[in-house]
Amino acid sequence: MAAAVAQRGGGGLSLCLASAGVVKALSIAAFTLAWTHSIEKTAWQEDWRVTDAGLELVQARIKGFGAGMEPPPEARLVDGWFQWAPPPTPRPEVVLGNSGAAGEWYLCHEARCQTLSEIFGHTIGASVTTMSACNSP
């Protein structure tokens, strides 16, 4: 899936995932979010950074294009992926839905990818998951 990203140790900011009343804090400074588009069945990846201002999208990649997923004009084809860097706009939270039509979201860091269900330790199903920056315990 995605390239390895950095992990932060000991205190500071973490990535918090909340779904169905359960919150998981992951002590990571950056991660890749990966999924398959529900209609086109095309792979999509986004590299995110956890910052004091919120979650910041660093780069997006898509394996092809089609219904509602056209890469922007500045995208470049690199190793079979259209990739681009959107303007840095920190977001307080990112909400992930799941239609059930395309499989699960994958969160990748340190060259390892896990589904959200694997991270939470139970099936997420159609539950919404909210990502945000939070303070490490």
C-alpha atoms as a PDB file:
ATOM      1  CA  MET A   1       0.000   0.000   0.000  1.00  0.00           C
ATOM      2  CA  ALA A   2       1.567   3.241   1.111  1.00  0.00           C
ATOM      3  CA  ALA A   3       5.074   4.283   1.944  1.00  0.00           C
ATOM      4  CA  ALA A   4       6.229   4.175   5.530  1.00  0.00           C
ATOM      5  CA  VAL A   5       5.483   7.225   7.630  1.00  0.00           C
ATOM      6  CA  ALA A   6       6.983   8.507  10.853  1.00  0.00           C
ATOM      7  CA  GLN A   7       5.818   7.519  14.319  1.00  0.00           C
ATOM      8  CA  ARG A   8       6.104   9.779  17.313  1.00  0.00           C
ATOM      9  CA  GLY A   9       6.917   8.409  20.716  1.00  0.00           C
ATOM     10  CA  GLY A  10       6.094   9.607  24.223  1.00  0.00           C
ATOM     11  CA  GLY A  11       3.580  12.405  24.776  1.00  0.00           C
ATOM     12  CA  GLY A  12       2.587  15.208  22.439  1.00  0.00           C
ATOM     13  CA  LEU A  13      -0.029  14.826  19.772  1.00  0.00           C
ATOM     14  CA  SER A  14      -1.709  11.619  18.680  1.00  0.00           C
ATOM     15  CA  LEU A  15      -4.257  10.585  16.097  1.00  0.00           C
ATOM     16  CA  CYS A  16      -7.611   9.883  17.742  1.00  0.00           C
ATOM     17  CA  LEU A  17     -10.167   7.638  16.077  1.00  0.00           C
ATOM     18  CA  ALA A  18     -13.736   7.603  17.414  1.00  0.00           C
ATOM     19  CA  SER A  19     -16.413   5.138  16.294  1.00  0.00           C
ATOM     20  CA  ALA A  20     -19.588   3.852  17.941  1.00  0.00           C
ATOM     21  CA  GLY A  21     -18.658   5.393  21.309  1.00  0.00           C
ATOM     22  CA  VAL A  22     -15.115   3.976  21.385  1.00  0.00           C
ATOM     23  CA  VAL A  23     -12.007   6.180  21.095  1.00  0.00           C
ATOM     24  CA  LYS A  24      -8.546   4.912  20.138  1.00  0.00           C
ATOM     25  CA  ALA A  25      -5.477   7.171  20.426  1.00  0.00           C
ATOM     26  CA  LEU A  26      -2.574   6.235  18.171  1.00  0.00           C
ATOM     27  CA  SER A  27       0.779   7.819  18.943  1.00  0.00           C
ATOM     28  CA  ILE A  28       1.638   8.674  15.329  1.00  0.00           C
ATOM     29  CA  ALA A  29       2.670  11.952  13.710  1.00  0.00           C
ATOM     30  CA  ALA A  30       1.764  10.971  10.140  1.00  0.00           C
ATOM     31  CA  PHE A  31      -0.221   8.263   8.403  1.00  0.00           C
ATOM     32  CA  THR A  32      -1.677   7.155   5.096  1.00  0.00           C
ATOM     33  CA  LEU A  33      -5.393   6.598   4.684  1.00  0.00           C
ATOM     34  CA  ALA A  34      -6.201   4.106   1.909  1.00  0.00           C
ATOM     35  CA  TRP A  35      -9.465   2.832   0.458  1.00  0.00           C
ATOM     36  CA  THR A  36     -11.184   1.602  -2.686  1.00  0.00           C
ATOM     37  CA  HIS A  37     -13.700   3.874  -4.418  1.00  0.00           C
ATOM     38  CA  SER A  38     -17.148   2.289  -4.018  1.00  0.00           C
ATOM     39  CA  ILE A  39     -18.278   2.792  -7.635  1.00  0.00           C
ATOM     40  CA  GLU A  40     -15.105   2.712  -9.725  1.00  0.00           C
ATOM     41  CA  LYS A  41     -13.317   0.117  -7.519  1.00  0.00           C
ATOM     42  CA  THR A  42     -10.139   2.169  -7.855  1.00  0.00           C
ATOM     43  CA  ALA A  43      -7.474   2.532  -5.158  1.00  0.00           C
ATOM     44  CA  TRP A  44      -7.108   5.908  -3.445  1.00  0.00           C
ATOM     45  CA  GLN A  45      -4.504   6.997  -0.870  1.00  0.00           C
ATOM     46  CA  GLU A  46      -3.991  10.148   1.165  1.00  0.00           C
ATOM     47  CA  ASP A  47      -0.994  11.073   3.299  1.00  0.00           C
ATOM     48  CA  TRP A  48      -1.938  13.007   6.453  1.00  0.00           C
ATOM     49  CA  ARG A  49       0.053  14.795   9.147  1.00  0.00           C
ATOM     50  CA  VAL A  50      -1.082  15.302  12.765  1.00  0.00           C
ATOM     51  CA  THR A  51      -0.406  18.949  13.721  1.00  0.00           C
ATOM     52  CA  ASP A  52      -1.292  21.365  16.531  1.00  0.00           C
ATOM     53  CA  ALA A  53      -3.774  22.995  14.104  1.00  0.00           C
ATOM     54  CA  GLY A  54      -5.467  19.665  13.245  1.00  0.00           C
ATOM     55  CA  LEU A  55      -5.109  17.033  10.534  1.00  0.00           C
ATOM     56  CA  GLU A  56      -3.350  18.228   7.395  1.00  0.00           C
ATOM     57  CA  LEU A  57      -3.621  16.481   4.023  1.00  0.00           C
ATOM     58  CA  VAL A  58      -0.122  16.379   2.532  1.00  0.00           C
ATOM     59  CA  GLN A  59      -0.545  14.359  -0.666  1.00  0.00           C
ATOM     60  CA  ALA A  60      -3.309  12.438  -2.479  1.00  0.00           C
ATOM     61  CA  ARG A  61      -2.935   9.587  -4.963  1.00  0.00           C
ATOM     62  CA  ILE A  62      -5.432   7.765  -7.147  1.00  0.00           C
ATOM     63  CA  LYS A  63      -4.808   4.712  -9.330  1.00  0.00           C
ATOM     64  CA  GLY A  64      -7.231   5.805 -12.065  1.00  0.00           C
ATOM     65  CA  PHE A  65     -10.153   8.126 -12.543  1.00  0.00           C
ATOM     66  CA  GLY A  66     -13.869   8.018 -13.192  1.00  0.00           C
ATOM     67  CA  ALA A  67     -17.199   8.942 -11.592  1.00  0.00           C
ATOM     68  CA  GLY A  68     -16.528  11.843  -9.240  1.00  0.00           C
ATOM     69  CA  MET A  69     -12.850  11.124  -8.761  1.00  0.00           C
ATOM     70  CA  GLU A  70     -11.013  13.063 -11.417  1.00  0.00           C
ATOM     71  CA  PRO A  71      -7.540  14.145 -10.345  1.00  0.00           C
ATOM     72  CA  PRO A  72      -6.974  17.923 -10.435  1.00  0.00           C
ATOM     73  CA  PRO A  73      -5.072  19.504 -13.341  1.00  0.00           C
ATOM     74  CA  GLU A  74      -1.842  19.697 -11.299  1.00  0.00           C
ATOM     75  CA  ALA A  75      -1.796  15.905 -10.712  1.00  0.00           C
ATOM     76  CA  ARG A  76       1.134  14.017 -12.190  1.00  0.00           C
ATOM     77  CA  LEU A  77       1.311  10.344 -13.153  1.00  0.00           C
ATOM     78  CA  VAL A  78       4.024   8.682 -11.023  1.00  0.00           C
ATOM     79  CA  ASP A  79       4.475   4.892 -10.921  1.00  0.00           C
ATOM     80  CA  GLY A  80       0.897   4.311 -12.090  1.00  0.00           C
ATOM     81  CA  TRP A  81      -0.670   6.757  -9.602  1.00  0.00           C
ATOM     82  CA  PHE A  82      -2.020  10.231 -10.314  1.00  0.00           C
ATOM     83  CA  GLN A  83      -0.654  12.234  -7.387  1.00  0.00           C
ATOM     84  CA  TRP A  84      -0.872  15.822  -6.186  1.00  0.00           C
ATOM     85  CA  ALA A  85      -0.340  17.975  -3.107  1.00  0.00           C
ATOM     86  CA  PRO A  86      -3.474  19.919  -2.105  1.00  0.00           C
ATOM     87  CA  PRO A  87      -3.093  23.306  -0.389  1.00  0.00           C
ATOM     88  CA  PRO A  88      -2.252  22.744   3.300  1.00  0.00           C
ATOM     89  CA  THR A  89      -5.531  23.242   5.151  1.00  0.00           C
ATOM     90  CA  PRO A  90      -5.610  21.845   8.706  1.00  0.00           C
ATOM     91  CA  ARG A  91      -8.936  20.240   9.603  1.00  0.00           C
ATOM     92  CA  PRO A  92     -10.172  19.850  13.190  1.00  0.00           C
ATOM     93  CA  GLU A  93     -11.628  16.463  12.233  1.00  0.00           C
ATOM     94  CA  VAL A  94     -12.167  14.172   9.263  1.00  0.00           C
ATOM     95  CA  VAL A  95     -15.282  11.983   9.157  1.00  0.00           C
ATOM     96  CA  LEU A  96     -15.070   8.609   7.412  1.00  0.00           C
ATOM     97  CA  GLY A  97     -18.284   6.913   6.310  1.00  0.00           C
ATOM     98  CA  ASN A  98     -18.629   3.350   5.127  1.00  0.00           C
ATOM     99  CA  SER A  99     -21.229   2.355   2.564  1.00  0.00           C
ATOM    100  CA  GLY A 100     -20.204  -1.288   2.771  1.00  0.00           C
ATOM    101  CA  ALA A 101     -19.833  -1.316  -1.042  1.00  0.00           C
ATOM    102  CA  ALA A 102     -16.049  -1.043  -1.225  1.00  0.00           C
ATOM    103  CA  GLY A 103     -14.550  -2.667   1.838  1.00  0.00           C
ATOM    104  CA  GLU A 104     -12.900  -0.908   4.727  1.00  0.00           C
ATOM    105  CA  TRP A 105     -10.687   2.076   5.260  1.00  0.00           C
ATOM    106  CA  TYR A 106      -7.017   1.227   5.858  1.00  0.00           C
ATOM    107  CA  LEU A 107      -4.725   3.246   8.088  1.00  0.00           C
ATOM    108  CA  CYS A 108      -1.033   2.766   7.309  1.00  0.00           C
ATOM    109  CA  HIS A 109       2.056   3.773   9.295  1.00  0.00           C
ATOM    110  CA  GLU A 110       5.524   2.314   9.749  1.00  0.00           C
ATOM    111  CA  ALA A 111       5.031   0.282   6.532  1.00  0.00           C
ATOM    112  CA  ARG A 112       2.056  -1.567   8.093  1.00  0.00           C
ATOM    113  CA  CYS A 113      -1.587  -1.190   7.084  1.00  0.00           C
ATOM    114  CA  GLN A 114      -4.583  -2.159   9.230  1.00  0.00           C
ATOM    115  CA  THR A 115      -8.305  -1.865   8.676  1.00  0.00           C
ATOM    116  CA  LEU A 116     -10.227   0.312  11.106  1.00  0.00           C
ATOM    117  CA  SER A 117     -11.888  -2.876  12.401  1.00  0.00           C
ATOM    118  CA  GLU A 118      -8.452  -4.314  13.202  1.00  0.00           C
ATOM    119  CA  ILE A 119      -7.458  -1.119  15.025  1.00  0.00           C
ATOM    120  CA  PHE A 120     -10.673  -1.076  17.088  1.00  0.00           C
ATOM    121  CA  GLY A 121     -10.596  -4.837  17.691  1.00  0.00           C
ATOM    122  CA  HIS A 122     -14.137  -5.359  16.410  1.00  0.00           C
ATOM    123  CA  THR A 123     -16.084  -4.915  13.182  1.00  0.00           C
ATOM    124  CA  ILE A 124     -16.799  -1.270  12.395  1.00  0.00           C
ATOM    125  CA  GLY A 125     -19.370  -2.064   9.708  1.00  0.00           C
ATOM    126  CA  ALA A 126     -21.381   0.987   8.595  1.00  0.00           C
ATOM    127  CA  SER A 127     -20.421   3.036  11.676  1.00  0.00           C
ATOM    128  CA  VAL A 128     -18.930   6.463  11.034  1.00  0.00           C
ATOM    129  CA  THR A 129     -15.351   6.970  12.231  1.00  0.00           C
ATOM    130  CA  THR A 130     -14.068  10.435  13.140  1.00  0.00           C
ATOM    131  CA  MET A 131     -10.343  11.212  12.991  1.00  0.00           C
ATOM    132  CA  SER A 132      -8.817  14.126  14.900  1.00  0.00           C
ATOM    133  CA  ALA A 133      -5.591  15.300  16.492  1.00  0.00           C
ATOM    134  CA  CYS A 134      -5.555  14.792  20.260  1.00  0.00           C
ATOM    135  CA  ASN A 135      -3.100  14.945  23.151  1.00  0.00           C
ATOM    136  CA  SER A 136      -1.273  11.739  24.036  1.00  0.00           C
ATOM    137  CA  PRO A 137      -1.910  10.338  27.492  1.00  0.00           C
END
